[in-house]
């Protein structure tokens, strides 16, 4: 009886965190019904074994596979507010970014739906988000276990990279082409590159950096990564583009096509990206005990 009473008290316990907008998100009890307006949160919840609490998804979200059958509520930046309210979520999760994303969060808060807004530019940010989401769902131990596992895998890569000599390979990450767009220094991609033992040669401080071909040629990266995914569904091989054939990465055959969502979308798969990229940068490293899976450009 005492144990059952303890569980009942814990289930009713108020939980609160400060999100990255500076707002205190407070729930009368841990959230049981969650809607993520940005797909990365679904993957974080799944990695904690909590995807059964997801009650709806955005139109574009297909991961983890367990959410595919869930009802949809619109897009990341333009959710259908009435539809969201209809599923009676205890908590909505949103990623900071464009103005529309903040407007959607504000609208839901006005309707009394606690909406947490998070910002991520690095693994440290990702770990902090996982822990705060864990608190809001009453699953601190699961969040701590996820973060601990991710840190351990990253530490293994760091130890393997530390044994290599010479300067870090200079890496260019193509987000989109034409109208060349690269991952900048404050992107999650940049931390993936750094932790894999590389150096992001796009020095712009924004998450996304627009570049001209002349600037790219001046950078002359050692390794050229092209993301493939929603933002760049059919990448044009750099070796077929005028002027790109002179790049060191192209001449050396060090152009690789990688999964956009593993590299660019903040979440547990970013660790997979670090392990994969370390293997691409240092083919003999065996980083994390994983074989590199990035596809070389054909």
Protein backbone atom coordinates (compact mmCIF):
# COMPACT_ATOMS: atom_id res chain seq x y z
CA UNK A 1 0.00 0.00 0.00
CA UNK A 2 2.80 2.43 0.94
CA UNK A 3 4.61 1.73 -2.32
CA UNK A 4 1.46 2.35 -4.36
CA UNK A 5 0.92 5.62 -2.48
CA UNK A 6 4.50 6.67 -3.22
CA UNK A 7 4.00 6.04 -6.94
CA UNK A 8 0.77 8.04 -6.88
CA UNK A 9 2.51 10.98 -5.22
CA UNK A 10 5.38 10.83 -7.74
CA UNK A 11 2.91 10.75 -10.66
CA UNK A 12 1.31 13.96 -9.37
CA UNK A 13 4.62 15.71 -8.64
CA UNK A 14 5.10 19.05 -10.35
CA UNK A 15 8.02 19.27 -12.76
CA UNK A 16 9.64 22.38 -14.25
CA UNK A 17 12.60 23.41 -16.41
CA UNK A 18 13.74 26.60 -18.08
CA UNK A 19 13.69 26.35 -21.85
CA UNK A 20 16.06 28.18 -24.19
CA UNK A 21 13.69 31.10 -24.64
CA UNK A 22 14.17 31.82 -20.94
CA UNK A 23 10.65 30.71 -20.09
CA UNK A 24 9.89 28.36 -17.18
CA UNK A 25 7.94 25.37 -18.45
CA UNK A 26 5.94 23.99 -15.54
CA UNK A 27 3.74 20.87 -15.49
CA UNK A 28 1.54 19.70 -12.64
CA UNK A 29 2.77 16.18 -13.31
CA UNK A 30 5.16 14.53 -15.81
CA UNK A 31 3.92 14.69 -19.38
CA UNK A 32 2.18 11.60 -20.75
CA UNK A 33 0.95 13.07 -24.05
CA UNK A 34 3.63 14.80 -26.13
CA UNK A 35 3.69 16.44 -29.56
CA UNK A 36 6.99 17.45 -31.13
CA UNK A 37 6.86 20.20 -33.73
CA UNK A 38 10.42 19.32 -34.75
CA UNK A 39 11.20 15.73 -35.64
CA UNK A 40 14.46 15.46 -33.71
CA UNK A 41 12.52 15.37 -30.44
CA UNK A 42 10.70 12.23 -31.57
CA UNK A 43 14.07 10.53 -32.05
CA UNK A 44 15.26 11.70 -28.64
CA UNK A 45 12.12 10.32 -27.00
CA UNK A 46 12.50 7.03 -28.86
CA UNK A 47 16.11 6.72 -27.73
CA UNK A 48 14.82 6.99 -24.16
CA UNK A 49 12.16 4.36 -24.85
CA UNK A 50 9.38 6.97 -24.51
CA UNK A 51 7.98 7.11 -28.04
CA UNK A 52 4.73 5.62 -26.75
CA UNK A 53 3.99 9.08 -25.30
CA UNK A 54 4.02 10.74 -28.74
CA UNK A 55 0.39 11.34 -29.75
CA UNK A 56 0.85 13.11 -33.11
CA UNK A 57 3.55 14.17 -35.57
CA UNK A 58 4.21 16.78 -38.23
CA UNK A 59 3.50 16.00 -41.88
CA UNK A 60 7.15 15.35 -42.76
CA UNK A 61 8.15 13.16 -39.81
CA UNK A 62 8.76 9.48 -40.47
CA UNK A 63 11.27 8.64 -37.73
CA UNK A 64 11.30 6.69 -35.56
CA UNK A 65 9.20 4.15 -37.50
CA UNK A 66 6.88 3.78 -34.50
CA UNK A 67 5.33 7.23 -35.20
CA UNK A 68 4.45 6.69 -38.86
CA UNK A 69 0.90 5.68 -37.98
CA UNK A 70 0.36 8.70 -35.72
CA UNK A 71 -2.00 11.50 -36.87
CA UNK A 72 -0.43 14.64 -38.34
CA UNK A 73 -0.81 18.24 -37.19
CA UNK A 74 0.76 20.30 -39.99
CA UNK A 75 4.35 21.47 -40.37
CA UNK A 76 7.17 22.35 -38.01
CA UNK A 77 6.72 26.10 -38.44
CA UNK A 78 3.02 26.18 -39.34
CA UNK A 79 1.21 23.58 -37.24
CA UNK A 80 -2.57 23.50 -37.27
CA UNK A 81 -3.19 24.89 -33.79
CA UNK A 82 -6.76 23.56 -33.58
CA UNK A 83 -5.57 20.10 -34.52
CA UNK A 84 -2.79 20.21 -31.92
CA UNK A 85 -5.27 21.26 -29.25
CA UNK A 86 -7.57 18.45 -30.30
CA UNK A 87 -5.02 15.82 -29.28
CA UNK A 88 -4.82 17.33 -25.76
CA UNK A 89 -1.04 17.23 -25.32
CA UNK A 90 0.45 17.78 -21.87
CA UNK A 91 3.58 19.12 -23.53
CA UNK A 92 4.63 20.42 -26.95
CA UNK A 93 8.29 20.57 -27.97
CA UNK A 94 9.58 23.11 -30.48
CA UNK A 95 13.03 23.90 -31.90
CA UNK A 96 14.10 27.54 -31.94
CA UNK A 97 14.96 29.01 -35.30
CA UNK A 98 12.80 30.97 -37.65
CA UNK A 99 10.23 33.50 -36.53
CA UNK A 100 7.33 31.23 -37.50
CA UNK A 101 8.53 28.52 -35.11
CA UNK A 102 8.47 30.98 -32.20
CA UNK A 103 5.03 32.23 -33.23
CA UNK A 104 3.61 28.70 -33.16
CA UNK A 105 5.03 28.14 -29.67
CA UNK A 106 3.62 31.44 -28.41
CA UNK A 107 0.19 30.64 -29.81
CA UNK A 108 0.08 27.27 -28.05
CA UNK A 109 1.22 28.79 -24.77
CA UNK A 110 -1.59 31.34 -25.04
CA UNK A 111 -4.05 28.46 -25.33
CA UNK A 112 -2.65 26.97 -22.12
CA UNK A 113 -0.54 24.21 -23.73
CA UNK A 114 2.92 24.16 -22.16
CA UNK A 115 5.36 24.49 -25.05
CA UNK A 116 9.10 24.20 -24.50
CA UNK A 117 11.42 25.82 -27.03
CA UNK A 118 15.00 24.57 -27.28
CA UNK A 119 18.03 25.65 -29.25
CA UNK A 120 20.91 23.35 -30.20
CA UNK A 121 24.27 24.17 -31.76
CA UNK A 122 26.46 21.52 -30.16
CA UNK A 123 26.49 18.16 -28.41
CA UNK A 124 26.53 19.93 -25.04
CA UNK A 125 23.27 21.64 -26.03
CA UNK A 126 21.85 18.29 -27.13
CA UNK A 127 22.75 16.68 -23.80
CA UNK A 128 21.11 19.56 -21.93
CA UNK A 129 17.94 19.22 -23.99
CA UNK A 130 17.75 15.47 -23.38
CA UNK A 131 18.07 15.98 -19.64
CA UNK A 132 15.45 18.75 -19.50
CA UNK A 133 13.01 16.74 -21.60
CA UNK A 134 13.67 13.81 -19.27
CA UNK A 135 12.66 15.97 -16.30
CA UNK A 136 9.45 17.09 -18.01
CA UNK A 137 8.53 13.46 -18.72
CA UNK A 138 9.53 12.21 -15.28
CA UNK A 139 12.25 10.09 -16.87
CA UNK A 140 15.48 11.56 -15.54
CA UNK A 141 17.19 8.18 -15.27
CA UNK A 142 16.44 7.33 -18.89
CA UNK A 143 17.69 10.71 -20.02
CA UNK A 144 20.87 10.33 -17.98
CA UNK A 145 21.45 6.86 -19.45
CA UNK A 146 21.04 8.17 -23.00
CA UNK A 147 23.46 11.06 -22.41
CA UNK A 148 25.97 8.76 -20.72
CA UNK A 149 25.93 6.33 -23.66
CA UNK A 150 26.36 9.13 -26.18
CA UNK A 151 29.26 10.63 -24.23
CA UNK A 152 30.98 7.25 -23.99
CA UNK A 153 30.78 6.73 -27.75
CA UNK A 154 32.11 10.23 -28.43
CA UNK A 155 34.94 9.67 -25.96
CA UNK A 156 35.96 6.52 -27.86
CA UNK A 157 36.14 8.49 -31.09
CA UNK A 158 38.11 11.26 -29.38
CA UNK A 159 40.62 8.75 -28.03
CA UNK A 160 41.08 7.18 -31.47
CA UNK A 161 41.47 10.57 -33.18
CA UNK A 162 43.99 11.70 -30.57
CA UNK A 163 46.34 8.93 -31.71
CA UNK A 164 46.54 10.41 -35.22
CA UNK A 165 49.26 12.90 -36.07
CA UNK A 166 49.19 15.89 -38.41
CA UNK A 167 46.72 18.73 -38.88
CA UNK A 168 43.00 18.11 -38.80
CA UNK A 169 41.53 17.56 -42.29
CA UNK A 170 39.69 20.65 -43.54
CA UNK A 171 36.08 19.68 -44.22
CA UNK A 172 33.43 21.47 -46.29
CA UNK A 173 29.81 20.49 -45.68
CA UNK A 174 27.46 21.29 -48.54
CA UNK A 175 23.91 21.87 -47.38
CA UNK A 176 22.51 22.76 -50.80
CA UNK A 177 23.54 23.44 -54.39
CA UNK A 178 23.14 25.45 -56.62
CA UNK A 179 23.17 28.76 -54.73
CA UNK A 180 25.82 27.15 -52.58
CA UNK A 181 24.93 26.87 -48.91
CA UNK A 182 27.34 25.48 -46.32
CA UNK A 183 27.14 24.49 -42.66
CA UNK A 184 28.60 27.32 -40.57
CA UNK A 185 30.45 27.34 -37.28
CA UNK A 186 27.36 27.45 -35.05
CA UNK A 187 25.66 24.47 -36.69
CA UNK A 188 25.40 21.01 -35.18
CA UNK A 189 27.28 19.80 -38.25
CA UNK A 190 30.30 21.86 -37.22
CA UNK A 191 30.48 20.08 -33.85
CA UNK A 192 30.08 16.74 -35.62
CA UNK A 193 33.07 17.62 -37.81
CA UNK A 194 35.15 18.77 -34.85
CA UNK A 195 34.44 15.70 -32.74
CA UNK A 196 35.29 13.46 -35.69
CA UNK A 197 38.75 15.04 -35.83
CA UNK A 198 38.15 17.50 -38.66
CA UNK A 199 38.00 21.26 -39.04
CA UNK A 200 35.03 23.04 -40.61
CA UNK A 201 36.58 25.30 -43.24
CA UNK A 202 33.41 27.41 -43.61
CA UNK A 203 34.26 30.12 -41.10
CA UNK A 204 30.94 31.99 -41.08
CA UNK A 205 29.40 32.26 -37.63
CA UNK A 206 25.83 31.56 -38.76
CA UNK A 207 24.38 28.06 -38.89
CA UNK A 208 24.06 28.34 -42.66
CA UNK A 209 26.57 30.24 -44.78
CA UNK A 210 26.08 31.38 -48.37
CA UNK A 211 29.23 31.17 -50.45
CA UNK A 212 30.40 31.93 -53.96
CA UNK A 213 32.42 29.43 -55.96
CA UNK A 214 35.51 31.64 -55.78
CA UNK A 215 35.50 31.49 -52.00
CA UNK A 216 35.09 27.73 -52.06
CA UNK A 217 38.02 27.39 -54.44
CA UNK A 218 40.10 29.52 -52.12
CA UNK A 219 39.19 27.26 -49.17
CA UNK A 220 40.15 24.16 -51.19
CA UNK A 221 38.93 21.62 -48.59
CA UNK A 222 40.61 18.26 -48.03
CA UNK A 223 37.23 16.51 -47.69
CA UNK A 224 33.92 17.54 -49.28
CA UNK A 225 30.67 16.29 -47.75
CA UNK A 226 27.37 16.59 -49.61
CA UNK A 227 24.23 16.03 -47.61
CA UNK A 228 21.34 14.14 -49.15
CA UNK A 229 17.88 14.58 -47.72
CA UNK A 230 14.89 16.93 -47.65
CA UNK A 231 16.97 20.07 -48.24
CA UNK A 232 19.10 18.48 -50.96
CA UNK A 233 17.18 15.49 -52.37
CA UNK A 234 19.16 14.99 -55.59
CA UNK A 235 22.74 16.20 -55.10
CA UNK A 236 24.70 17.14 -58.22
CA UNK A 237 28.09 15.38 -58.04
CA UNK A 238 30.78 18.05 -57.45
CA UNK A 239 33.04 16.39 -60.02
CA UNK A 240 30.51 17.26 -62.76
CA UNK A 241 30.33 20.97 -61.88
CA UNK A 242 32.41 23.59 -63.68
CA UNK A 243 35.52 24.57 -61.68
CA UNK A 244 34.92 22.02 -58.89
CA UNK A 245 37.21 19.49 -60.54
CA UNK A 246 40.18 21.58 -59.40
CA UNK A 247 39.32 21.11 -55.72
CA UNK A 248 41.78 18.95 -53.77
CA UNK A 249 38.93 16.88 -52.31
CA UNK A 250 37.56 16.11 -55.78
CA UNK A 251 40.98 15.26 -57.24
CA UNK A 252 41.75 12.98 -54.28
CA UNK A 253 38.37 11.23 -54.44
CA UNK A 254 37.44 12.48 -50.98
CA UNK A 255 33.90 13.60 -51.77
CA UNK A 256 31.22 11.76 -49.81
CA UNK A 257 27.43 11.83 -49.81
CA UNK A 258 26.03 11.64 -46.28
CA UNK A 259 22.61 11.43 -44.65
CA UNK A 260 21.25 14.93 -44.02
CA UNK A 261 19.20 13.92 -41.02
CA UNK A 262 22.05 12.10 -39.29
CA UNK A 263 24.39 15.08 -39.66
CA UNK A 264 22.17 18.17 -39.69
CA UNK A 265 19.22 17.21 -37.48
CA UNK A 266 20.18 17.42 -33.78
CA UNK A 267 19.56 14.07 -32.11
CA UNK A 268 21.05 10.73 -31.07
CA UNK A 269 22.05 9.90 -34.65
CA UNK A 270 24.58 12.73 -34.55
CA UNK A 271 26.82 10.29 -32.69
CA UNK A 272 26.47 7.86 -35.61
CA UNK A 273 27.56 10.74 -37.85
CA UNK A 274 30.67 11.41 -35.75
CA UNK A 275 31.64 7.74 -35.85
CA UNK A 276 31.03 7.55 -39.59
CA UNK A 277 32.91 10.76 -40.36
CA UNK A 278 35.90 9.79 -38.23
CA UNK A 279 36.15 6.66 -40.38
CA UNK A 280 35.98 8.75 -43.55
CA UNK A 281 38.60 11.24 -42.37
CA UNK A 282 40.90 8.54 -40.97
CA UNK A 283 40.12 5.31 -42.87
CA UNK A 284 42.24 3.12 -40.57
CA UNK A 285 40.95 4.53 -37.33
CA UNK A 286 38.11 2.10 -36.64
CA UNK A 287 36.42 4.88 -34.65
CA UNK A 288 33.79 3.64 -32.23
CA UNK A 289 34.15 0.13 -33.64
CA UNK A 290 31.88 1.12 -36.56
CA UNK A 291 32.61 0.84 -40.26
CA UNK A 292 32.26 4.07 -42.21
CA UNK A 293 29.05 4.07 -44.25
CA UNK A 294 29.25 7.41 -46.07
CA UNK A 295 28.84 6.88 -49.80
CA UNK A 296 31.68 8.03 -51.95
CA UNK A 297 30.57 10.20 -54.86
CA UNK A 298 30.34 8.28 -58.11
